[in-house]
Each structure stands twice: as structure tokens, then as C-alpha cells.
Amino acid sequence: MIYSKNFTNPSDVLSKYKIDEDKYISREFQQYGFDLATELNDLSHKALYIKLAKETPRGLIETARNFVKDATNAKSKPRLFMWKLSSLKATHKKSTS
């Protein structure tokens, strides 16, 4: 039997391996929801933002997001975002019915 002496050390292989931060994100809405949670500094509720990105029209989310960006003295950006989004959903629901 002939053995090759060109094997690499497992520690060398593992040291070159880089863990991907987005390894569980496979869809666009998941990335959008994660980015929104990061922007609002609310990573503990990232599943909520991913669900919103999946089920809520993107225009409403963007309007609420821009509203929060423009608010300079907001105590809680996530709370302000959810308030604005709920008011936008209510007006959107009235206009479509």
C-alpha cells in the first residue's frame, strides 16, 4: 500500500474555516427582518421582524422604518416602529375596504 504524505493537519483545515453569520438565513425576507431588528437594536425579537417582513406589505414596513429613522429623540425605537406600523396598517385596511 502506498500512503500519501500530502495530508493536511485537521487543525489547519479548521483554522481556515470561517463561520458564516447568516448560515440560517435562506430567504430574502429573513435577511430583511434580521436587518430591521439590527437597525432597531432589538435582536431579542428578530423572529417578530422576520414574520413581519414575510406577512406585511413592504411599503408599510419601509414607511414605519423611515419614520423611526427620522425620529431623533425616540426613547424606544422598536416601540415607535410598532406603533407607527399598527397605525399604517389601520389606515391601509380602511382604504382597501
Protein backbone atom coordinates (compact mmCIF):
# COMPACT_ATOMS: atom_id res chain seq x y z
CA MET A 1 0.00 0.00 0.00
CA ILE A 2 1.18 3.48 -0.85
CA TYR A 3 0.32 6.26 1.56
CA SER A 4 0.36 9.85 0.50
CA LYS A 5 2.29 12.23 2.69
CA ASN A 6 0.32 15.22 1.45
CA PHE A 7 -2.36 15.10 4.13
CA THR A 8 -3.12 18.34 5.89
CA ASN A 9 -3.42 18.65 9.58
CA PRO A 10 -7.08 18.88 10.76
CA SER A 11 -6.27 21.93 12.86
CA ASP A 12 -5.05 23.72 9.71
CA VAL A 13 -8.29 22.93 7.93
CA LEU A 14 -10.41 24.08 10.87
CA SER A 15 -8.43 27.27 11.33
CA LYS A 16 -9.23 28.29 7.73
CA TYR A 17 -12.96 27.60 8.19
CA LYS A 18 -14.98 30.77 8.70
CA ILE A 19 -18.36 30.54 10.33
CA ASP A 20 -20.95 32.35 8.27
CA GLU A 21 -23.10 34.70 10.32
CA ASP A 22 -26.06 34.22 8.00
CA LYS A 23 -25.96 30.45 7.85
CA TYR A 24 -29.60 30.10 8.86
CA ILE A 25 -30.90 32.82 6.53
CA SER A 26 -32.02 31.36 3.24
CA ARG A 27 -34.73 33.75 2.05
CA GLU A 28 -34.80 37.45 1.31
CA PHE A 29 -37.50 38.27 3.88
CA GLN A 30 -35.40 36.61 6.60
CA GLN A 31 -32.46 38.84 5.78
CA TYR A 32 -34.71 41.90 5.66
CA GLY A 33 -36.26 41.07 9.05
CA PHE A 34 -32.84 40.45 10.58
CA ASP A 35 -31.52 43.75 9.20
CA LEU A 36 -34.58 45.54 10.56
CA ALA A 37 -34.08 44.03 14.03
CA THR A 38 -30.42 45.06 13.90
CA GLU A 39 -31.27 48.60 12.84
CA LEU A 40 -33.82 48.95 15.64
CA ASN A 41 -31.36 47.38 18.11
CA ASP A 42 -33.90 44.71 19.05
CA LEU A 43 -32.21 41.40 18.26
CA SER A 44 -34.10 39.62 21.04
CA HIS A 45 -37.25 39.93 18.90
CA LYS A 46 -35.74 39.15 15.49
CA ALA A 47 -38.32 36.41 14.85
CA LEU A 48 -41.06 39.04 15.09
CA TYR A 49 -39.39 41.23 12.48
CA ILE A 50 -38.84 38.24 10.17
CA LYS A 51 -42.55 37.38 10.48
CA LEU A 52 -43.49 40.99 9.75
CA ALA A 53 -41.22 41.01 6.70
CA LYS A 54 -42.91 37.87 5.44
CA GLU A 55 -46.55 38.83 6.02
CA THR A 56 -46.74 42.64 5.91
CA PRO A 57 -46.56 44.71 2.72
CA ARG A 58 -43.04 46.04 2.32
CA GLY A 59 -44.23 49.59 1.69
CA LEU A 60 -45.82 49.80 5.13
CA ILE A 61 -42.69 48.47 6.81
CA GLU A 62 -40.47 50.90 4.90
CA THR A 63 -42.70 53.85 5.83
CA ALA A 64 -42.56 52.90 9.52
CA ARG A 65 -38.80 52.30 9.26
CA ASN A 66 -38.23 55.75 7.75
CA PHE A 67 -40.44 57.30 10.42
CA VAL A 68 -38.23 55.79 13.12
CA LYS A 69 -35.06 56.90 11.31
CA ASP A 70 -36.32 60.48 11.28
CA ALA A 71 -37.24 60.45 14.98
CA THR A 72 -34.16 61.71 16.77
CA ASN A 73 -35.34 61.65 20.38
CA ALA A 74 -37.19 58.32 20.49
CA LYS A 75 -36.93 56.54 23.84
CA SER A 76 -37.64 53.15 22.31
CA LYS A 77 -37.19 52.70 18.57
CA PRO A 78 -38.87 49.26 18.49
CA ARG A 79 -41.93 50.59 20.33
CA LEU A 80 -42.17 53.60 18.00
CA PHE A 81 -41.80 51.33 14.96
CA MET A 82 -44.59 49.00 16.11
CA TRP A 83 -46.89 51.93 16.93
CA LYS A 84 -46.36 53.51 13.51
CA LEU A 85 -46.75 50.18 11.73
CA SER A 86 -50.04 49.45 13.51
CA SER A 87 -51.41 52.90 12.61
CA LEU A 88 -50.32 52.42 8.98
CA LYS A 89 -51.98 49.00 8.89
CA ALA A 90 -55.22 50.51 10.22
CA THR A 91 -55.28 53.24 7.57
CA HIS A 92 -54.34 50.71 4.87
CA LYS A 93 -57.17 48.42 5.98
CA LYS A 94 -59.68 51.31 5.89
CA SER A 95 -58.60 52.37 2.41
CA THR A 96 -58.82 48.85 0.95
CA SER A 97 -62.30 48.12 2.34
